[in-house]
Amino acid sequence: MSFAIWAYILFTFSLVVVFAFIIIHYYNPRRKKEIEAPKHRMLDDDESR
């Protein structure tokens, strides 16, 4: 196989690894409060009124 084929394979594999890391990082159970906070803040009543 030529260098170009190996480069495409390596690039594709690295993109898959980065995408998997992003998904695992975002859906980590320890981050649930941080992710859910804007949703609950939006539903809270405004105190300035």
Protein backbone atom coordinates (compact mmCIF):
# COMPACT_ATOMS: atom_id res chain seq x y z
CA MET A 1 0.00 0.00 0.00
CA SER A 2 1.16 3.49 -0.74
CA PHE A 3 1.82 6.30 1.70
CA ALA A 4 -1.41 8.08 0.70
CA ILE A 5 -3.55 5.09 1.65
CA TRP A 6 -1.81 4.80 5.04
CA ALA A 7 -2.23 8.53 5.58
CA TYR A 8 -5.99 8.31 4.91
CA ILE A 9 -6.33 5.30 7.21
CA LEU A 10 -4.39 7.02 9.99
CA PHE A 11 -6.34 10.26 9.57
CA THR A 12 -9.69 8.43 9.62
CA PHE A 13 -8.69 6.42 12.68
CA SER A 14 -7.58 9.57 14.50
CA LEU A 15 -10.90 11.28 13.71
CA VAL A 16 -12.79 8.27 15.09
CA VAL A 17 -10.71 8.36 18.28
CA VAL A 18 -11.28 12.09 18.75
CA PHE A 19 -15.02 11.70 18.12
CA ALA A 20 -15.23 8.81 20.61
CA PHE A 21 -13.34 10.87 23.21
CA ILE A 22 -15.76 13.79 22.76
CA ILE A 23 -18.79 11.51 23.15
CA ILE A 24 -17.36 9.77 26.21
CA HIS A 25 -16.37 13.09 27.79
CA TYR A 26 -19.75 14.71 27.17
CA TYR A 27 -21.90 11.80 28.36
CA ASN A 28 -19.79 11.11 31.46
CA PRO A 29 -22.14 10.65 34.45
CA ARG A 30 -19.97 12.96 36.58
CA ARG A 31 -20.81 15.88 34.25
CA LYS A 32 -24.59 15.40 34.40
CA LYS A 33 -25.20 18.34 36.78
CA GLU A 34 -23.08 20.67 34.65
CA ILE A 35 -24.89 19.64 31.47
CA GLU A 36 -28.38 19.78 32.98
CA ALA A 37 -27.89 23.15 34.75
CA PRO A 38 -28.83 25.43 31.80
CA LYS A 39 -32.06 23.51 31.28
CA HIS A 40 -33.10 23.95 34.89
CA ARG A 41 -31.98 27.59 34.95
CA MET A 42 -34.19 28.30 31.96
CA LEU A 43 -37.21 26.81 33.73
CA ASP A 44 -36.67 28.73 36.99
CA ASP A 45 -38.74 31.84 37.63
CA ASP A 46 -37.03 35.17 37.16
CA GLU A 47 -36.21 36.79 40.47
CA SER A 48 -35.82 40.26 38.95
CA ARG A 49 -39.55 40.74 38.38
